[in-house]
Amino acid sequence: LIEALDHAEAAMHTAVVAADLSRPLLTPPAAEDIRADGSARLLAEQ
């Protein structure tokens, strides 16, 4: 997941489903930008 808005339904749904299926979910360091708040949340939630 390169960069995703927290409310970007398709990207975030894919990320959550991948984590639920025990697939590795990888993301680069979250930028200080709203466009990466979804990625930042997933990193914060581990």
All heavy atoms as atom14 arrays in JSON, in Angstrom:
{
  "sequence": "LIEALDHAEAAMHTAVVAADLSRPLLTPPAAEDIRADGSARLLAEQ",
  "atom14_mask": [
    [1, 1, 1, 1, 1, 1, 1, 1, 0, 0, 0, 0, 0, 0],
    [1, 1, 1, 1, 1, 1, 1, 1, 0, 0, 0, 0, 0, 0],
    [1, 1, 1, 1, 1, 1, 1, 1, 1, 0, 0, 0, 0, 0],
    [1, 1, 1, 1, 1, 0, 0, 0, 0, 0, 0, 0, 0, 0],
    [1, 1, 1, 1, 1, 1, 1, 1, 0, 0, 0, 0, 0, 0],
    [1, 1, 1, 1, 1, 1, 1, 1, 0, 0, 0, 0, 0, 0],
    [1, 1, 1, 1, 1, 1, 1, 1, 1, 1, 0, 0, 0, 0],
    [1, 1, 1, 1, 1, 0, 0, 0, 0, 0, 0, 0, 0, 0],
    [1, 1, 1, 1, 1, 1, 1, 1, 1, 0, 0, 0, 0, 0],
    [1, 1, 1, 1, 1, 0, 0, 0, 0, 0, 0, 0, 0, 0],
    [1, 1, 1, 1, 1, 0, 0, 0, 0, 0, 0, 0, 0, 0],
    [1, 1, 1, 1, 1, 1, 1, 1, 0, 0, 0, 0, 0, 0],
    [1, 1, 1, 1, 1, 1, 1, 1, 1, 1, 0, 0, 0, 0],
    [1, 1, 1, 1, 1, 1, 1, 0, 0, 0, 0, 0, 0, 0],
    [1, 1, 1, 1, 1, 0, 0, 0, 0, 0, 0, 0, 0, 0],
    [1, 1, 1, 1, 1, 1, 1, 0, 0, 0, 0, 0, 0, 0],
    [1, 1, 1, 1, 1, 1, 1, 0, 0, 0, 0, 0, 0, 0],
    [1, 1, 1, 1, 1, 0, 0, 0, 0, 0, 0, 0, 0, 0],
    [1, 1, 1, 1, 1, 0, 0, 0, 0, 0, 0, 0, 0, 0],
    [1, 1, 1, 1, 1, 1, 1, 1, 0, 0, 0, 0, 0, 0],
    [1, 1, 1, 1, 1, 1, 1, 1, 0, 0, 0, 0, 0, 0],
    [1, 1, 1, 1, 1, 1, 0, 0, 0, 0, 0, 0, 0, 0],
    [1, 1, 1, 1, 1, 1, 1, 1, 1, 1, 1, 0, 0, 0],
    [1, 1, 1, 1, 1, 1, 1, 0, 0, 0, 0, 0, 0, 0],
    [1, 1, 1, 1, 1, 1, 1, 1, 0, 0, 0, 0, 0, 0],
    [1, 1, 1, 1, 1, 1, 1, 1, 0, 0, 0, 0, 0, 0],
    [1, 1, 1, 1, 1, 1, 1, 0, 0, 0, 0, 0, 0, 0],
    [1, 1, 1, 1, 1, 1, 1, 0, 0, 0, 0, 0, 0, 0],
    [1, 1, 1, 1, 1, 1, 1, 0, 0, 0, 0, 0, 0, 0],
    [1, 1, 1, 1, 1, 0, 0, 0, 0, 0, 0, 0, 0, 0],
    [1, 1, 1, 1, 1, 0, 0, 0, 0, 0, 0, 0, 0, 0],
    [1, 1, 1, 1, 1, 1, 1, 1, 1, 0, 0, 0, 0, 0],
    [1, 1, 1, 1, 1, 1, 1, 1, 0, 0, 0, 0, 0, 0],
    [1, 1, 1, 1, 1, 1, 1, 1, 0, 0, 0, 0, 0, 0],
    [1, 1, 1, 1, 1, 1, 1, 1, 1, 1, 1, 0, 0, 0],
    [1, 1, 1, 1, 1, 0, 0, 0, 0, 0, 0, 0, 0, 0],
    [1, 1, 1, 1, 1, 1, 1, 1, 0, 0, 0, 0, 0, 0],
    [1, 1, 1, 1, 0, 0, 0, 0, 0, 0, 0, 0, 0, 0],
    [1, 1, 1, 1, 1, 1, 0, 0, 0, 0, 0, 0, 0, 0],
    [1, 1, 1, 1, 1, 0, 0, 0, 0, 0, 0, 0, 0, 0],
    [1, 1, 1, 1, 1, 1, 1, 1, 1, 1, 1, 0, 0, 0],
    [1, 1, 1, 1, 1, 1, 1, 1, 0, 0, 0, 0, 0, 0],
    [1, 1, 1, 1, 1, 1, 1, 1, 0, 0, 0, 0, 0, 0],
    [1, 1, 1, 1, 1, 0, 0, 0, 0, 0, 0, 0, 0, 0],
    [1, 1, 1, 1, 1, 1, 1, 1, 1, 0, 0, 0, 0, 0],
    [1, 1, 1, 1, 1, 1, 1, 1, 1, 0, 0, 0, 0, 0]
  ],
  "atom14_positions": [
    [[0.87, -1.17, 0.0], [0.0, 0.0, 0.0], [0.9, 1.22, 0.0], [1.5, 1.56, 1.02], [-0.9, -0.02, 1.23], [-1.93, 1.07, 1.35], [-2.96, 0.94, 0.22], [-2.62, 1.0, 2.7], [0.0, 0.0, 0.0], [0.0, 0.0, 0.0], [0.0, 0.0, 0.0], [0.0, 0.0, 0.0], [0.0, 0.0, 0.0], [0.0, 0.0, 0.0]],
    [[1.02, 1.87, -1.15], [1.95, 2.99, -1.27], [1.45, 4.2, -0.52], [2.14, 4.8, 0.27], [2.19, 3.34, -2.77], [2.76, 2.13, -3.51], [3.11, 4.55, -2.9], [4.07, 1.61, -2.98], [0.0, 0.0, 0.0], [0.0, 0.0, 0.0], [0.0, 0.0, 0.0], [0.0, 0.0, 0.0], [0.0, 0.0, 0.0], [0.0, 0.0, 0.0]],
    [[0.23, 4.57, -0.77], [-0.34, 5.75, -0.14], [-1.85, 5.64, -0.27], [-2.36, 5.34, -1.35], [0.16, 6.99, -0.89], [-0.15, 8.3, -0.25], [0.54, 9.42, -1.0], [0.02, 9.82, -2.07], [1.6, 9.88, -0.55], [0.0, 0.0, 0.0], [0.0, 0.0, 0.0], [0.0, 0.0, 0.0], [0.0, 0.0, 0.0], [0.0, 0.0, 0.0]],
    [[-2.57, 5.83, 0.81], [-4.02, 5.72, 0.72], [-4.7, 6.63, 1.73], [-4.28, 6.71, 2.88], [-4.47, 4.28, 0.97], [0.0, 0.0, 0.0], [0.0, 0.0, 0.0], [0.0, 0.0, 0.0], [0.0, 0.0, 0.0], [0.0, 0.0, 0.0], [0.0, 0.0, 0.0], [0.0, 0.0, 0.0], [0.0, 0.0, 0.0], [0.0, 0.0, 0.0]],
    [[-5.73, 7.29, 1.26], [-6.59, 8.04, 2.17], [-7.28, 7.04, 3.08], [-7.6, 5.93, 2.67], [-7.63, 8.82, 1.37], [-7.13, 9.95, 0.49], [-8.23, 10.39, -0.46], [-6.65, 11.11, 1.33], [0.0, 0.0, 0.0], [0.0, 0.0, 0.0], [0.0, 0.0, 0.0], [0.0, 0.0, 0.0], [0.0, 0.0, 0.0], [0.0, 0.0, 0.0]],
    [[-7.53, 7.45, 4.3], [-8.18, 6.55, 5.25], [-9.58, 6.17, 4.77], [-10.08, 5.12, 5.09], [-8.24, 7.19, 6.63], [-8.38, 6.18, 7.73], [-8.17, 4.98, 7.48], [-8.7, 6.58, 8.86], [0.0, 0.0, 0.0], [0.0, 0.0, 0.0], [0.0, 0.0, 0.0], [0.0, 0.0, 0.0], [0.0, 0.0, 0.0], [0.0, 0.0, 0.0]],
    [[-10.2, 7.03, 4.0], [-11.55, 6.74, 3.5], [-11.55, 6.26, 2.04], [-12.6, 6.2, 1.43], [-12.45, 7.97, 3.67], [-11.99, 9.15, 2.88], [-11.02, 10.02, 3.35], [-12.34, 9.6, 1.65], [-10.82, 10.96, 2.44], [-11.59, 10.72, 1.41], [0.0, 0.0, 0.0], [0.0, 0.0, 0.0], [0.0, 0.0, 0.0], [0.0, 0.0, 0.0]],
    [[-10.39, 5.9, 1.51], [-10.31, 5.36, 0.14], [-10.78, 3.91, 0.21], [-10.04, 3.01, 0.55], [-8.89, 5.45, -0.39], [0.0, 0.0, 0.0], [0.0, 0.0, 0.0], [0.0, 0.0, 0.0], [0.0, 0.0, 0.0], [0.0, 0.0, 0.0], [0.0, 0.0, 0.0], [0.0, 0.0, 0.0], [0.0, 0.0, 0.0], [0.0, 0.0, 0.0]],
    [[-12.04, 3.71, -0.09], [-12.68, 2.42, 0.17], [-11.96, 1.24, -0.47], [-11.67, 0.26, 0.2], [-14.13, 2.46, -0.31], [-14.87, 1.19, 0.05], [-16.34, 1.26, -0.26], [-16.89, 2.35, -0.37], [-16.91, 0.18, -0.41], [0.0, 0.0, 0.0], [0.0, 0.0, 0.0], [0.0, 0.0, 0.0], [0.0, 0.0, 0.0], [0.0, 0.0, 0.0]],
    [[-11.67, 1.3, -1.75], [-11.08, 0.13, -2.43], [-9.69, -0.19, -1.89], [-9.4, -1.35, -1.56], [-11.03, 0.37, -3.92], [0.0, 0.0, 0.0], [0.0, 0.0, 0.0], [0.0, 0.0, 0.0], [0.0, 0.0, 0.0], [0.0, 0.0, 0.0], [0.0, 0.0, 0.0], [0.0, 0.0, 0.0], [0.0, 0.0, 0.0], [0.0, 0.0, 0.0]],
    [[-8.84, 0.79, -1.77], [-7.47, 0.55, -1.31], [-7.45, 0.06, 0.14], [-6.77, -0.91, 0.47], [-6.63, 1.82, -1.44], [0.0, 0.0, 0.0], [0.0, 0.0, 0.0], [0.0, 0.0, 0.0], [0.0, 0.0, 0.0], [0.0, 0.0, 0.0], [0.0, 0.0, 0.0], [0.0, 0.0, 0.0], [0.0, 0.0, 0.0], [0.0, 0.0, 0.0]],
    [[-8.19, 0.72, 0.99], [-8.2, 0.33, 2.39], [-8.89, -1.01, 2.6], [-8.47, -1.8, 3.44], [-8.86, 1.42, 3.24], [-8.04, 2.7, 3.3], [-6.35, 2.46, 3.94], [-6.71, 2.12, 5.64], [0.0, 0.0, 0.0], [0.0, 0.0, 0.0], [0.0, 0.0, 0.0], [0.0, 0.0, 0.0], [0.0, 0.0, 0.0], [0.0, 0.0, 0.0]],
    [[-9.92, -1.29, 1.82], [-10.58, -2.59, 1.94], [-9.62, -3.71, 1.54], [-9.54, -4.73, 2.21], [-11.85, -2.64, 1.09], [-12.68, -3.86, 1.31], [-13.36, -4.09, 2.48], [-12.9, -4.93, 0.53], [-13.98, -5.26, 2.4], [-13.71, -5.79, 1.22], [0.0, 0.0, 0.0], [0.0, 0.0, 0.0], [0.0, 0.0, 0.0], [0.0, 0.0, 0.0]],
    [[-8.88, -3.51, 0.46], [-7.88, -4.49, 0.03], [-6.85, -4.7, 1.14], [-6.49, -5.84, 1.45], [-7.19, -4.05, -1.27], [-8.17, -3.83, -2.28], [-6.19, -5.07, -1.75], [0.0, 0.0, 0.0], [0.0, 0.0, 0.0], [0.0, 0.0, 0.0], [0.0, 0.0, 0.0], [0.0, 0.0, 0.0], [0.0, 0.0, 0.0], [0.0, 0.0, 0.0]],
    [[-6.38, -3.62, 1.74], [-5.38, -3.71, 2.79], [-5.91, -4.47, 4.01], [-5.23, -5.35, 4.54], [-4.94, -2.31, 3.21], [0.0, 0.0, 0.0], [0.0, 0.0, 0.0], [0.0, 0.0, 0.0], [0.0, 0.0, 0.0], [0.0, 0.0, 0.0], [0.0, 0.0, 0.0], [0.0, 0.0, 0.0], [0.0, 0.0, 0.0], [0.0, 0.0, 0.0]],
    [[-7.1, -4.15, 4.43], [-7.68, -4.81, 5.61], [-7.93, -6.3, 5.33], [-7.64, -7.16, 6.16], [-8.97, -4.09, 6.05], [-9.73, -4.9, 7.08], [-8.62, -2.72, 6.6], [0.0, 0.0, 0.0], [0.0, 0.0, 0.0], [0.0, 0.0, 0.0], [0.0, 0.0, 0.0], [0.0, 0.0, 0.0], [0.0, 0.0, 0.0], [0.0, 0.0, 0.0]],
    [[-8.45, -6.6, 4.14], [-8.7, -8.01, 3.78], [-7.38, -8.77, 3.73], [-7.29, -9.9, 4.21], [-9.47, -8.12, 2.45], [-9.5, -9.55, 1.96], [-10.88, -7.59, 2.62], [0.0, 0.0, 0.0], [0.0, 0.0, 0.0], [0.0, 0.0, 0.0], [0.0, 0.0, 0.0], [0.0, 0.0, 0.0], [0.0, 0.0, 0.0], [0.0, 0.0, 0.0]],
    [[-6.35, -8.16, 3.17], [-5.04, -8.81, 3.1], [-4.54, -9.12, 4.5], [-4.06, -10.23, 4.76], [-4.04, -7.92, 2.36], [0.0, 0.0, 0.0], [0.0, 0.0, 0.0], [0.0, 0.0, 0.0], [0.0, 0.0, 0.0], [0.0, 0.0, 0.0], [0.0, 0.0, 0.0], [0.0, 0.0, 0.0], [0.0, 0.0, 0.0], [0.0, 0.0, 0.0]],
    [[-4.65, -8.17, 5.41], [-4.21, -8.4, 6.78], [-5.05, -9.51, 7.43], [-4.51, -10.37, 8.13], [-4.31, -7.11, 7.59], [0.0, 0.0, 0.0], [0.0, 0.0, 0.0], [0.0, 0.0, 0.0], [0.0, 0.0, 0.0], [0.0, 0.0, 0.0], [0.0, 0.0, 0.0], [0.0, 0.0, 0.0], [0.0, 0.0, 0.0], [0.0, 0.0, 0.0]],
    [[-6.35, -9.5, 7.18], [-7.22, -10.53, 7.74], [-6.89, -11.92, 7.2], [-7.09, -12.92, 7.88], [-8.69, -10.2, 7.47], [-9.19, -9.01, 8.27], [-8.49, -8.59, 9.22], [-10.27, -8.49, 7.93], [0.0, 0.0, 0.0], [0.0, 0.0, 0.0], [0.0, 0.0, 0.0], [0.0, 0.0, 0.0], [0.0, 0.0, 0.0], [0.0, 0.0, 0.0]],
    [[-6.38, -11.97, 5.96], [-6.0, -13.25, 5.35], [-4.55, -13.62, 5.67], [-4.0, -14.54, 5.08], [-6.18, -13.18, 3.83], [-7.61, -13.1, 3.32], [-7.63, -12.85, 1.81], [-8.36, -14.38, 3.65], [0.0, 0.0, 0.0], [0.0, 0.0, 0.0], [0.0, 0.0, 0.0], [0.0, 0.0, 0.0], [0.0, 0.0, 0.0], [0.0, 0.0, 0.0]],
    [[-3.93, -12.88, 6.56], [-2.53, -13.09, 6.97], [-1.56, -12.91, 5.82], [-0.49, -13.54, 5.79], [-2.35, -14.47, 7.6], [-3.16, -14.58, 8.75], [0.0, 0.0, 0.0], [0.0, 0.0, 0.0], [0.0, 0.0, 0.0], [0.0, 0.0, 0.0], [0.0, 0.0, 0.0], [0.0, 0.0, 0.0], [0.0, 0.0, 0.0], [0.0, 0.0, 0.0]],
    [[-1.92, -12.07, 4.87], [-0.99, -11.68, 3.82], [-0.17, -10.51, 4.35], [-0.72, -9.64, 5.02], [-1.71, -11.23, 2.55], [-2.63, -12.24, 1.92], [-1.86, -13.42, 1.35], [-2.69, -14.24, 0.51], [-3.34, -15.32, 0.92], [-3.27, -15.69, 2.18], [-4.06, -16.04, 0.08], [0.0, 0.0, 0.0], [0.0, 0.0, 0.0], [0.0, 0.0, 0.0]],
    [[1.12, -10.48, 4.07], [1.89, -9.32, 4.51], [1.33, -8.04, 3.87], [1.02, -8.01, 2.68], [3.3, -9.61, 3.98], [3.35, -11.08, 3.79], [1.95, -11.48, 3.41], [0.0, 0.0, 0.0], [0.0, 0.0, 0.0], [0.0, 0.0, 0.0], [0.0, 0.0, 0.0], [0.0, 0.0, 0.0], [0.0, 0.0, 0.0], [0.0, 0.0, 0.0]],
    [[1.18, -7.04, 4.69], [0.73, -5.72, 4.23], [1.89, -4.77, 4.45], [2.28, -4.52, 5.6], [-0.51, -5.28, 5.01], [-1.05, -3.89, 4.73], [-1.39, -3.73, 3.25], [-2.27, -3.63, 5.58], [0.0, 0.0, 0.0], [0.0, 0.0, 0.0], [0.0, 0.0, 0.0], [0.0, 0.0, 0.0], [0.0, 0.0, 0.0], [0.0, 0.0, 0.0]],
    [[2.47, -4.31, 3.38], [3.66, -3.49, 3.44], [3.32, -2.06, 3.03], [2.51, -1.85, 2.12], [4.73, -4.04, 2.49], [4.98, -5.55, 2.57], [5.97, -5.97, 1.49], [5.48, -5.94, 3.94], [0.0, 0.0, 0.0], [0.0, 0.0, 0.0], [0.0, 0.0, 0.0], [0.0, 0.0, 0.0], [0.0, 0.0, 0.0], [0.0, 0.0, 0.0]],
    [[3.95, -1.11, 3.69], [3.75, 0.29, 3.32], [5.02, 1.08, 3.61], [5.72, 0.79, 4.59], [2.52, 0.89, 4.06], [2.24, 2.17, 3.53], [2.73, 0.97, 5.54], [0.0, 0.0, 0.0], [0.0, 0.0, 0.0], [0.0, 0.0, 0.0], [0.0, 0.0, 0.0], [0.0, 0.0, 0.0], [0.0, 0.0, 0.0], [0.0, 0.0, 0.0]],
    [[5.33, 2.05, 2.76], [6.49, 2.89, 3.04], [6.17, 3.83, 4.2], [5.02, 3.94, 4.62], [6.69, 3.67, 1.73], [5.36, 3.66, 1.08], [4.69, 2.4, 1.5], [0.0, 0.0, 0.0], [0.0, 0.0, 0.0], [0.0, 0.0, 0.0], [0.0, 0.0, 0.0], [0.0, 0.0, 0.0], [0.0, 0.0, 0.0], [0.0, 0.0, 0.0]],
    [[7.18, 4.51, 4.72], [6.92, 5.47, 5.8], [5.84, 6.46, 5.37], [5.85, 6.95, 4.24], [8.27, 6.17, 6.0], [9.28, 5.22, 5.45], [8.59, 4.48, 4.34], [0.0, 0.0, 0.0], [0.0, 0.0, 0.0], [0.0, 0.0, 0.0], [0.0, 0.0, 0.0], [0.0, 0.0, 0.0], [0.0, 0.0, 0.0], [0.0, 0.0, 0.0]],
    [[4.91, 6.7, 6.26], [3.8, 7.61, 5.94], [4.31, 9.04, 5.86], [5.04, 9.51, 6.73], [2.72, 7.49, 7.0], [0.0, 0.0, 0.0], [0.0, 0.0, 0.0], [0.0, 0.0, 0.0], [0.0, 0.0, 0.0], [0.0, 0.0, 0.0], [0.0, 0.0, 0.0], [0.0, 0.0, 0.0], [0.0, 0.0, 0.0], [0.0, 0.0, 0.0]],
    [[3.91, 9.71, 4.81], [4.26, 11.11, 4.64], [3.36, 11.96, 5.53], [2.29, 11.52, 5.94], [4.07, 11.52, 3.17], [0.0, 0.0, 0.0], [0.0, 0.0, 0.0], [0.0, 0.0, 0.0], [0.0, 0.0, 0.0], [0.0, 0.0, 0.0], [0.0, 0.0, 0.0], [0.0, 0.0, 0.0], [0.0, 0.0, 0.0], [0.0, 0.0, 0.0]],
    [[3.79, 13.13, 5.84], [2.96, 14.06, 6.62], [1.97, 14.71, 5.66], [1.98, 15.91, 5.44], [3.85, 15.12, 7.29], [4.8, 14.57, 8.31], [4.07, 13.97, 9.51], [3.02, 14.51, 9.91], [4.55, 12.95, 10.03], [0.0, 0.0, 0.0], [0.0, 0.0, 0.0], [0.0, 0.0, 0.0], [0.0, 0.0, 0.0], [0.0, 0.0, 0.0]],
    [[1.09, 13.91, 5.13], [0.15, 14.35, 4.1], [-1.15, 13.59, 4.3], [-1.13, 12.4, 4.61], [0.76, 14.05, 2.73], [-0.02, 14.63, 1.58], [-1.26, 14.7, 1.65], [0.61, 15.0, 0.59], [0.0, 0.0, 0.0], [0.0, 0.0, 0.0], [0.0, 0.0, 0.0], [0.0, 0.0, 0.0], [0.0, 0.0, 0.0], [0.0, 0.0, 0.0]],
    [[-2.26, 14.24, 4.1], [-3.55, 13.58, 4.27], [-3.71, 12.4, 3.32], [-4.43, 11.46, 3.61], [-4.71, 14.59, 4.13], [-6.0, 13.95, 4.63], [-4.84, 15.07, 2.68], [-7.13, 14.91, 4.84], [0.0, 0.0, 0.0], [0.0, 0.0, 0.0], [0.0, 0.0, 0.0], [0.0, 0.0, 0.0], [0.0, 0.0, 0.0], [0.0, 0.0, 0.0]],
    [[-3.0, 12.43, 2.19], [-3.14, 11.34, 1.22], [-2.55, 10.04, 1.74], [-2.74, 8.99, 1.15], [-2.47, 11.71, -0.11], [-3.2, 12.81, -0.84], [-2.46, 13.19, -2.06], [-1.17, 13.75, -1.64], [-0.35, 14.39, -2.43], [-0.63, 14.53, -3.69], [0.78, 14.86, -1.98], [0.0, 0.0, 0.0], [0.0, 0.0, 0.0], [0.0, 0.0, 0.0]],
    [[-1.84, 10.08, 2.86], [-1.25, 8.87, 3.42], [-1.82, 8.54, 4.79], [-1.26, 7.73, 5.51], [0.26, 9.03, 3.5], [0.0, 0.0, 0.0], [0.0, 0.0, 0.0], [0.0, 0.0, 0.0], [0.0, 0.0, 0.0], [0.0, 0.0, 0.0], [0.0, 0.0, 0.0], [0.0, 0.0, 0.0], [0.0, 0.0, 0.0], [0.0, 0.0, 0.0]],
    [[-2.95, 9.14, 5.17], [-3.47, 8.9, 6.51], [-3.94, 7.47, 6.71], [-3.88, 6.93, 7.81], [-4.54, 9.92, 6.92], [-5.78, 9.9, 6.04], [-5.79, 9.22, 5.0], [-6.76, 10.58, 6.42], [0.0, 0.0, 0.0], [0.0, 0.0, 0.0], [0.0, 0.0, 0.0], [0.0, 0.0, 0.0], [0.0, 0.0, 0.0], [0.0, 0.0, 0.0]],
    [[-4.39, 6.8, 5.67], [-4.77, 5.4, 5.78], [-3.56, 4.52, 6.04], [-3.59, 3.64, 6.91], [0.0, 0.0, 0.0], [0.0, 0.0, 0.0], [0.0, 0.0, 0.0], [0.0, 0.0, 0.0], [0.0, 0.0, 0.0], [0.0, 0.0, 0.0], [0.0, 0.0, 0.0], [0.0, 0.0, 0.0], [0.0, 0.0, 0.0], [0.0, 0.0, 0.0]],
    [[-2.5, 4.78, 5.32], [-1.26, 4.03, 5.53], [-0.73, 4.27, 6.93], [-0.3, 3.34, 7.61], [-0.2, 4.47, 4.5], [-0.68, 4.33, 3.19], [0.0, 0.0, 0.0], [0.0, 0.0, 0.0], [0.0, 0.0, 0.0], [0.0, 0.0, 0.0], [0.0, 0.0, 0.0], [0.0, 0.0, 0.0], [0.0, 0.0, 0.0], [0.0, 0.0, 0.0]],
    [[-0.77, 5.53, 7.38], [-0.28, 5.87, 8.71], [-1.1, 5.15, 9.79], [-0.55, 4.65, 10.76], [-0.33, 7.38, 8.93], [0.0, 0.0, 0.0], [0.0, 0.0, 0.0], [0.0, 0.0, 0.0], [0.0, 0.0, 0.0], [0.0, 0.0, 0.0], [0.0, 0.0, 0.0], [0.0, 0.0, 0.0], [0.0, 0.0, 0.0], [0.0, 0.0, 0.0]],
    [[-2.42, 5.08, 9.6], [-3.26, 4.4, 10.58], [-2.94, 2.91, 10.65], [-2.84, 2.33, 11.73], [-4.75, 4.6, 10.26], [-5.66, 3.91, 11.28], [-7.12, 4.21, 11.03], [-7.6, 3.78, 9.74], [-7.99, 2.53, 9.44], [-7.9, 1.57, 10.33], [-8.44, 2.24, 8.24], [0.0, 0.0, 0.0], [0.0, 0.0, 0.0], [0.0, 0.0, 0.0]],
    [[-2.76, 2.28, 9.49], [-2.44, 0.85, 9.47], [-1.09, 0.57, 10.11], [-0.92, -0.44, 10.8], [-2.49, 0.31, 8.04], [-3.89, 0.27, 7.43], [-3.81, -0.03, 5.94], [-4.77, -0.74, 8.13], [0.0, 0.0, 0.0], [0.0, 0.0, 0.0], [0.0, 0.0, 0.0], [0.0, 0.0, 0.0], [0.0, 0.0, 0.0], [0.0, 0.0, 0.0]],
    [[-0.13, 1.46, 9.93], [1.15, 1.32, 10.6], [0.98, 1.49, 12.11], [1.53, 0.71, 12.89], [2.17, 2.34, 10.07], [2.8, 2.03, 8.73], [3.55, 3.24, 8.2], [3.71, 0.82, 8.83], [0.0, 0.0, 0.0], [0.0, 0.0, 0.0], [0.0, 0.0, 0.0], [0.0, 0.0, 0.0], [0.0, 0.0, 0.0], [0.0, 0.0, 0.0]],
    [[0.22, 2.49, 12.53], [0.01, 2.74, 13.95], [-0.71, 1.57, 14.63], [-0.41, 1.24, 15.78], [-0.77, 4.03, 14.15], [0.0, 0.0, 0.0], [0.0, 0.0, 0.0], [0.0, 0.0, 0.0], [0.0, 0.0, 0.0], [0.0, 0.0, 0.0], [0.0, 0.0, 0.0], [0.0, 0.0, 0.0], [0.0, 0.0, 0.0], [0.0, 0.0, 0.0]],
    [[-1.63, 0.95, 13.93], [-2.38, -0.19, 14.46], [-1.58, -1.5, 14.35], [-2.07, -2.55, 14.74], [-3.7, -0.36, 13.72], [-4.68, 0.76, 13.93], [-5.92, 0.63, 13.06], [-5.98, -0.28, 12.2], [-6.82, 1.45, 13.23], [0.0, 0.0, 0.0], [0.0, 0.0, 0.0], [0.0, 0.0, 0.0], [0.0, 0.0, 0.0], [0.0, 0.0, 0.0]],
    [[-0.39, -1.42, 13.78], [0.48, -2.56, 13.55], [-0.17, -3.61, 12.66], [0.08, -4.81, 12.8], [0.94, -3.16, 14.87], [1.75, -2.19, 15.68], [2.24, -2.77, 16.99], [1.75, -3.76, 17.48], [3.26, -2.12, 17.55], [0.0, 0.0, 0.0], [0.0, 0.0, 0.0], [0.0, 0.0, 0.0], [0.0, 0.0, 0.0], [0.0, 0.0, 0.0]]
  ]
}
